[in-house]
Amino acid sequence: MFFASDNSGPAHPHIMQRVMDANAGHAMPYGNDEIMEDVRAAIRATFEAPEAVVYLVSTGTAANSLALACYCQPWQTIFCAQVAHIEEDECNAPEFYTGAAKLTLIPTDDKMSPDALRAAIARRPNGNVHMAQAGPVSITQVTERGSVYTLEELRALTAVARECDLPVHLDGARLANAIAALGCTPAEMTWKSGVDVLSFGGTKNGCMAVEAVVFFDPAKAWEFELRRKRGAHLLSKHRYLSAQMAAYMTDDLWLKMAQSANANARYLTDGLRAAGAELLHTPDANMVFARFPRATHQKLHNAGAKYYLWEGDLDSGPADEMLAARLVCDWSISKDLIDQFLSHF
């Protein structure tokens, strides 16, 4: 009964098999393996972007930080939601890789609004030597609260960035879940909505350890290659990254796993509602935020169902006090396991 995160689940057997297949014989290192050519072609076709430049790294933090560094000078600031992943979960890596560029946080408990973004940018007018200069806008899709920006919402944000001549980065660690939720195409959610560079996640969606960085404008390609090498994220035995991503893109496995994870979250959500839990955010994709009594948390933990995130002290306090929890579903969780979890409510 693991709901800690979707990166705690297993890698899909097709992905593991492709890695095993890639383990035969020798291959050129550093991304020059033959499998990487298939990966580039597959991602370009999937995103309807024949000129896109595609690179692989092993972590989402590297994908986000190195991509942003290509669009942000040290004296600039990155605009992002107050609860963006690059703010909450990456230990200042974006600041480190950009050479200490600042993050300007847009006040919100979930999604950024265009008005709030516009106001934040207006407070950073370029040309004042005493202030950080305006830099890229970074959007987390799916948000850290489990919500999905609609295409209209995305385009409203990128329109503000365009008004101010700022590039847009999309943190898509769970992009597949967002696409599955909206039923749109990858192109519609990315470059057709004004996104310049994308971190396309695999690790949280059934891969072992791989993320793609997709530049829809090839102009930044060489700079990324230099930054990836200098930042120690160019893997020598790159074929094992390529093999994961190749399997991920084959027969839309990336989308099928996201659809499964989202369906699991809907099933869990329905069960939580029926059990009387209070939902804290709209569960658009595969993350569920709910509040239920301390006594229920204790019951779950005593039954071994303790692998999820929660707030508060479970050992002391009123039994009926409501404590918040985050529960994340991956592609592999079965309805039987979800039922087992819900049986303790």
Protein backbone atom coordinates (compact mmCIF):
# COMPACT_ATOMS: atom_id res chain seq x y z
CA MET A 1 0.00 0.00 0.00
CA PHE A 2 2.54 2.53 -1.25
CA PHE A 3 1.20 6.02 -1.89
CA ALA A 4 4.32 7.98 -0.96
CA SER A 5 5.05 9.07 -4.53
CA ASP A 6 4.88 7.80 -8.08
CA ASN A 7 8.67 7.56 -8.11
CA SER A 8 8.49 4.84 -5.43
CA GLY A 9 6.78 2.42 -7.83
CA PRO A 10 8.47 -0.15 -10.07
CA ALA A 11 9.75 0.46 -13.55
CA HIS A 12 7.57 -1.02 -16.25
CA PRO A 13 8.71 -4.48 -17.49
CA HIS A 14 8.96 -3.21 -21.09
CA ILE A 15 11.39 -0.55 -19.94
CA MET A 16 13.48 -2.99 -17.93
CA GLN A 17 13.55 -5.39 -20.87
CA ARG A 18 14.74 -2.66 -23.21
CA VAL A 19 17.55 -1.84 -20.78
CA MET A 20 18.51 -5.52 -20.70
CA ASP A 21 18.46 -5.64 -24.50
CA ALA A 22 20.71 -2.58 -24.61
CA ASN A 23 23.18 -4.31 -22.32
CA ALA A 24 24.37 -6.62 -25.11
CA GLY A 25 27.71 -5.80 -26.66
CA HIS A 26 29.24 -2.36 -27.03
CA ALA A 27 27.78 1.02 -27.91
CA MET A 28 29.15 4.50 -28.42
CA PRO A 29 29.07 6.60 -25.21
CA TYR A 30 27.83 10.08 -24.29
CA GLY A 31 24.59 10.00 -26.28
CA ASN A 32 26.11 8.79 -29.53
CA ASP A 33 24.46 5.38 -29.24
CA GLU A 34 22.11 4.25 -32.01
CA ILE A 35 19.14 4.01 -29.66
CA MET A 36 19.32 7.76 -29.04
CA GLU A 37 18.59 8.41 -32.70
CA ASP A 38 15.33 6.48 -32.29
CA VAL A 39 14.54 8.49 -29.15
CA ARG A 40 15.01 11.81 -30.92
CA ALA A 41 12.81 10.71 -33.80
CA ALA A 42 10.10 9.41 -31.46
CA ILE A 43 9.94 12.54 -29.31
CA ARG A 44 9.97 14.82 -32.35
CA ALA A 45 7.11 12.84 -33.88
CA THR A 46 5.12 12.70 -30.64
CA PHE A 47 5.43 16.45 -30.10
CA GLU A 48 4.98 17.28 -33.80
CA ALA A 49 8.24 19.20 -33.64
CA PRO A 50 10.65 18.00 -36.33
CA GLU A 51 13.25 20.66 -35.47
CA ALA A 52 13.22 20.03 -31.71
CA VAL A 53 16.48 19.17 -30.01
CA VAL A 54 16.27 16.35 -27.46
CA TYR A 55 18.64 15.50 -24.62
CA LEU A 56 18.44 13.01 -21.76
CA VAL A 57 19.49 13.28 -18.13
CA SER A 58 18.89 10.97 -15.21
CA THR A 59 17.05 13.29 -12.81
CA GLY A 60 14.27 15.84 -12.93
CA THR A 61 16.35 18.31 -10.94
CA ALA A 62 19.04 18.21 -13.63
CA ALA A 63 16.46 18.57 -16.39
CA ASN A 64 14.85 21.63 -14.83
CA SER A 65 18.01 23.32 -13.63
CA LEU A 66 20.10 22.86 -16.77
CA ALA A 67 17.21 23.87 -19.04
CA LEU A 68 16.54 27.03 -17.04
CA ALA A 69 20.24 27.88 -16.97
CA CYS A 70 20.19 28.12 -20.76
CA TYR A 71 17.58 30.88 -20.55
CA CYS A 72 18.62 32.74 -17.42
CA GLN A 73 21.64 34.92 -16.69
CA PRO A 74 22.98 35.10 -13.10
CA TRP A 75 21.61 38.63 -12.71
CA GLN A 76 18.10 37.61 -13.75
CA THR A 77 15.18 36.09 -11.87
CA ILE A 78 12.96 33.11 -12.69
CA PHE A 79 9.24 33.63 -12.16
CA CYS A 80 7.42 30.63 -10.72
CA ALA A 81 4.57 29.70 -8.42
CA GLN A 82 5.22 29.85 -4.70
CA VAL A 83 4.57 26.11 -4.62
CA ALA A 84 6.53 25.29 -7.79
CA HIS A 85 8.70 22.18 -7.70
CA ILE A 86 11.80 24.23 -8.45
CA GLU A 87 11.09 26.23 -5.28
CA GLU A 88 9.91 23.49 -2.91
CA ASP A 89 11.89 20.41 -3.84
CA GLU A 90 15.20 21.10 -5.56
CA CYS A 91 17.50 22.41 -2.82
CA ASN A 92 18.34 25.61 -4.74
CA ALA A 93 19.64 23.63 -7.72
CA PRO A 94 18.11 26.07 -10.25
CA GLU A 95 19.87 28.91 -8.45
CA PHE A 96 23.12 26.91 -8.40
CA TYR A 97 23.11 25.99 -12.08
CA THR A 98 22.10 29.48 -13.20
CA GLY A 99 24.97 31.01 -11.27
CA ALA A 100 22.82 32.28 -8.37
CA ALA A 101 19.90 33.71 -10.33
CA LYS A 102 16.97 34.60 -8.10
CA LEU A 103 13.55 32.93 -7.93
CA THR A 104 10.63 35.35 -7.80
CA LEU A 105 7.68 33.52 -6.26
CA ILE A 106 4.13 34.19 -7.41
CA PRO A 107 1.85 34.01 -4.33
CA THR A 108 -0.53 31.05 -4.69
CA ASP A 109 -1.48 27.80 -3.02
CA ASP A 110 -1.67 26.05 -6.37
CA LYS A 111 -1.81 27.51 -9.88
CA MET A 112 -0.32 30.81 -10.97
CA SER A 113 -2.72 33.38 -12.34
CA PRO A 114 -1.87 35.63 -15.31
CA ASP A 115 -2.62 38.76 -13.31
CA ALA A 116 -0.32 37.74 -10.47
CA LEU A 117 2.43 36.82 -12.93
CA ARG A 118 2.06 40.13 -14.76
CA ALA A 119 2.24 42.04 -11.48
CA ALA A 120 5.38 40.18 -10.40
CA ILE A 121 7.10 40.89 -13.71
CA ALA A 122 6.08 44.56 -13.48
CA ARG A 123 7.90 44.78 -10.14
CA ARG A 124 11.12 43.70 -11.90
CA PRO A 125 11.55 46.34 -14.62
CA ASN A 126 14.63 45.73 -16.74
CA GLY A 127 17.17 48.50 -16.82
CA ASN A 128 17.47 49.17 -13.08
CA VAL A 129 20.99 48.10 -12.21
CA HIS A 130 20.06 47.67 -8.54
CA MET A 131 17.45 44.97 -9.20
CA ALA A 132 17.37 41.44 -10.58
CA GLN A 133 16.40 41.58 -14.24
CA ALA A 134 13.36 39.72 -15.54
CA GLY A 135 14.12 36.18 -16.73
CA PRO A 136 12.19 33.07 -17.72
CA VAL A 137 8.79 31.96 -16.51
CA SER A 138 8.65 28.38 -15.18
CA ILE A 139 5.35 26.49 -14.96
CA THR A 140 4.90 23.16 -13.13
CA GLN A 141 2.51 20.82 -14.94
CA VAL A 142 1.00 18.87 -13.04
CA THR A 143 1.18 21.34 -10.12
CA GLU A 144 2.55 20.31 -6.75
CA ARG A 145 -1.03 20.25 -5.49
CA GLY A 146 -2.21 17.79 -8.13
CA SER A 147 -4.00 20.28 -10.38
CA VAL A 148 -3.64 20.48 -14.13
CA TYR A 149 -3.42 23.77 -16.01
CA THR A 150 -5.93 23.72 -18.86
CA LEU A 151 -4.66 24.71 -22.29
CA GLU A 152 -6.46 28.04 -21.87
CA GLU A 153 -4.74 28.63 -18.53
CA LEU A 154 -1.34 27.72 -19.95
CA ARG A 155 -1.80 30.02 -22.92
CA ALA A 156 -2.87 32.88 -20.69
CA LEU A 157 0.39 32.55 -18.73
CA THR A 158 2.60 32.21 -21.79
CA ALA A 159 0.85 35.23 -23.32
CA VAL A 160 1.97 37.32 -20.34
CA ALA A 161 5.52 36.02 -20.80
CA ARG A 162 5.41 36.91 -24.49
CA GLU A 163 4.14 40.42 -23.73
CA CYS A 164 7.27 40.88 -21.64
CA ASP A 165 9.57 39.07 -24.09
CA LEU A 166 10.36 36.30 -21.60
CA PRO A 167 10.95 32.61 -22.41
CA VAL A 168 8.81 29.86 -20.89
CA HIS A 169 10.00 26.63 -19.27
CA LEU A 170 7.55 23.83 -18.54
CA ASP A 171 8.44 21.50 -15.68
CA GLY A 172 6.75 18.37 -16.95
CA ALA A 173 7.82 15.73 -14.45
CA ARG A 174 4.19 14.60 -14.64
CA LEU A 175 3.44 15.97 -18.10
CA ALA A 176 2.13 12.59 -19.24
CA ASN A 177 -0.47 12.64 -16.45
CA ALA A 178 -1.54 16.14 -17.47
CA ILE A 179 -1.91 15.15 -21.14
CA ALA A 180 -3.87 12.06 -20.14
CA ALA A 181 -6.12 14.19 -17.94
CA LEU A 182 -6.92 16.75 -20.64
CA GLY A 183 -6.96 14.40 -23.61
CA CYS A 184 -4.92 16.90 -25.63
CA THR A 185 -1.85 16.31 -27.77
CA PRO A 186 1.70 16.84 -26.49
CA ALA A 187 2.15 19.62 -29.05
CA GLU A 188 -0.97 21.41 -27.83
CA MET A 189 0.32 21.40 -24.27
CA THR A 190 3.81 22.57 -25.14
CA TRP A 191 5.05 24.58 -28.11
CA LYS A 192 1.58 25.27 -29.49
CA SER A 193 0.82 26.87 -26.12
CA GLY A 194 3.96 29.00 -26.13
CA VAL A 195 6.47 26.77 -24.31
CA ASP A 196 10.13 27.19 -25.32
CA VAL A 197 11.75 24.37 -23.38
CA LEU A 198 10.29 21.30 -21.71
CA SER A 199 11.40 18.91 -18.99
CA PHE A 200 9.59 15.73 -20.06
CA GLY A 201 9.43 13.33 -17.14
CA GLY A 202 9.90 9.58 -17.21
CA THR A 203 11.03 8.58 -13.72
CA LYS A 204 7.69 9.35 -12.02
CA ASN A 205 5.83 7.51 -14.77
CA GLY A 206 7.30 4.03 -14.86
CA CYS A 207 10.89 4.60 -15.96
CA MET A 208 13.95 3.71 -13.93
CA ALA A 209 15.79 7.04 -14.10
CA VAL A 210 15.43 9.21 -17.19
CA GLU A 211 14.10 12.65 -18.12
CA ALA A 212 14.13 14.37 -21.50
CA VAL A 213 14.91 18.03 -22.09
CA VAL A 214 13.22 19.20 -25.27
CA PHE A 215 14.20 22.51 -26.86
CA PHE A 216 11.57 23.56 -29.37
CA ASP A 217 14.01 26.22 -30.57
CA PRO A 218 17.36 24.58 -31.47
CA ALA A 219 19.29 27.78 -30.71
CA LYS A 220 20.08 26.69 -27.15
CA ALA A 221 21.28 23.20 -28.06
CA TRP A 222 25.03 23.72 -27.88
CA GLU A 223 24.81 25.69 -24.66
CA PHE A 224 22.83 22.86 -23.06
CA GLU A 225 25.44 20.33 -24.14
CA LEU A 226 28.15 22.38 -22.48
CA ARG A 227 26.12 22.93 -19.32
CA ARG A 228 25.18 19.26 -19.08
CA LYS A 229 28.83 18.20 -19.33
CA ARG A 230 30.09 20.93 -16.99
CA GLY A 231 27.31 20.09 -14.54
CA ALA A 232 28.34 16.40 -14.42
CA HIS A 233 25.10 15.13 -15.97
CA LEU A 234 26.42 13.72 -19.25
CA LEU A 235 26.35 9.99 -18.66
CA SER A 236 29.12 7.94 -20.21
CA LYS A 237 27.00 4.79 -20.64
CA HIS A 238 24.19 6.85 -22.06
CA ARG A 239 22.59 3.91 -23.88
CA TYR A 240 20.85 2.92 -20.64
CA LEU A 241 19.09 6.28 -20.59
CA SER A 242 18.29 5.97 -24.28
CA ALA A 243 16.90 2.47 -23.83
CA GLN A 244 14.50 3.61 -21.12
CA MET A 245 13.20 6.52 -23.15
CA ALA A 246 12.94 4.42 -26.31
CA ALA A 247 10.71 1.90 -24.55
CA TYR A 248 8.77 4.74 -22.90
CA MET A 249 7.91 6.24 -26.29
CA THR A 250 7.12 2.93 -28.02
CA ASP A 251 3.39 2.31 -28.62
CA ASP A 252 2.55 5.29 -26.37
CA LEU A 253 3.63 3.44 -23.23
CA TRP A 254 4.22 6.85 -21.59
CA LEU A 255 0.56 7.78 -22.11
CA LYS A 256 -0.86 4.38 -21.16
CA MET A 257 0.98 4.37 -17.83
CA ALA A 258 -0.20 7.91 -17.09
CA GLN A 259 -3.78 6.96 -17.91
CA SER A 260 -3.48 4.01 -15.52
CA ALA A 261 -2.04 6.19 -12.74
CA ASN A 262 -4.80 8.77 -13.21
CA ALA A 263 -7.47 6.07 -13.17
CA ASN A 264 -6.02 4.68 -9.94
CA ALA A 265 -6.18 8.16 -8.39
CA ARG A 266 -9.82 8.58 -9.45
CA TYR A 267 -10.67 5.23 -7.89
CA LEU A 268 -8.87 6.21 -4.68
CA THR A 269 -10.60 9.60 -4.67
CA ASP A 270 -14.04 8.03 -4.99
CA GLY A 271 -13.24 5.69 -2.10
CA LEU A 272 -11.97 8.50 0.10
CA ARG A 273 -15.08 10.57 -0.57
CA ALA A 274 -17.28 7.61 0.30
CA ALA A 275 -15.31 7.13 3.52
CA GLY A 276 -15.90 10.74 4.55
CA ALA A 277 -12.45 12.16 3.90
CA GLU A 278 -12.21 15.84 3.01
CA LEU A 279 -10.50 16.58 -0.33
CA LEU A 280 -8.19 19.59 -0.20
CA HIS A 281 -7.52 20.08 -3.91
CA THR A 282 -9.16 18.95 -7.11
CA PRO A 283 -7.39 15.67 -8.02
CA ASP A 284 -6.97 16.31 -11.75
CA ALA A 285 -4.24 13.73 -12.31
CA ASN A 286 -2.60 11.15 -10.04
CA MET A 287 -2.12 13.04 -6.75
CA VAL A 288 -4.79 13.20 -4.06
CA PHE A 289 -4.71 15.59 -1.11
CA ALA A 290 -7.16 14.70 1.63
CA ARG A 291 -7.80 15.27 5.31
CA PHE A 292 -9.04 12.62 7.72
CA PRO A 293 -8.93 11.98 11.49
CA ARG A 294 -5.77 11.20 13.41
CA ALA A 295 -7.39 7.95 14.54
CA THR A 296 -7.71 6.85 10.91
CA HIS A 297 -4.06 7.66 10.25
CA GLN A 298 -3.11 5.60 13.27
CA LYS A 299 -5.27 2.72 12.11
CA LEU A 300 -3.66 2.82 8.67
CA HIS A 301 -0.17 2.87 10.15
CA ASN A 302 -0.89 0.00 12.48
CA ALA A 303 -2.07 -2.01 9.47
CA GLY A 304 1.16 -1.25 7.61
CA ALA A 305 -0.36 1.37 5.31
CA LYS A 306 2.05 4.10 6.35
CA TYR A 307 3.79 4.89 3.09
CA TYR A 308 2.28 8.25 2.25
CA LEU A 309 2.97 11.83 3.27
CA TRP A 310 1.05 13.43 6.11
CA GLU A 311 1.11 16.55 8.27
CA GLY A 312 1.11 16.62 12.03
CA ASP A 313 1.95 14.36 14.95
CA LEU A 314 0.22 11.00 14.68
CA ASP A 315 1.12 9.91 18.21
CA SER A 316 -0.42 12.67 20.27
CA GLY A 317 -3.50 14.85 20.00
CA PRO A 318 -7.27 14.38 19.74
CA ALA A 319 -8.29 11.24 17.88
CA ASP A 320 -10.81 13.18 15.81
CA GLU A 321 -8.42 15.97 14.78
CA MET A 322 -8.23 16.16 10.98
CA LEU A 323 -4.73 15.76 9.55
CA ALA A 324 -3.83 16.32 5.90
CA ALA A 325 -2.25 13.68 3.70
CA ARG A 326 -0.84 13.43 0.17
CA LEU A 327 -1.41 10.16 -1.66
CA VAL A 328 0.13 9.56 -5.08
CA CYS A 329 -0.81 6.74 -7.45
CA ASP A 330 1.50 5.27 -10.04
CA TRP A 331 0.73 3.03 -13.02
CA SER A 332 1.23 -0.21 -11.09
CA ILE A 333 -1.14 0.12 -8.12
CA SER A 334 -4.03 -2.31 -8.30
CA LYS A 335 -7.62 -1.69 -7.27
CA ASP A 336 -7.22 -4.51 -4.75
CA LEU A 337 -4.44 -2.59 -2.97
CA ILE A 338 -6.49 0.59 -3.03
CA ASP A 339 -9.46 -1.32 -1.58
CA GLN A 340 -7.18 -2.74 1.10
CA PHE A 341 -6.05 0.79 2.00
CA LEU A 342 -9.63 2.11 2.10
CA SER A 343 -10.80 -0.80 4.24
CA HIS A 344 -9.07 0.81 7.23
CA PHE A 345 -11.26 3.94 7.15
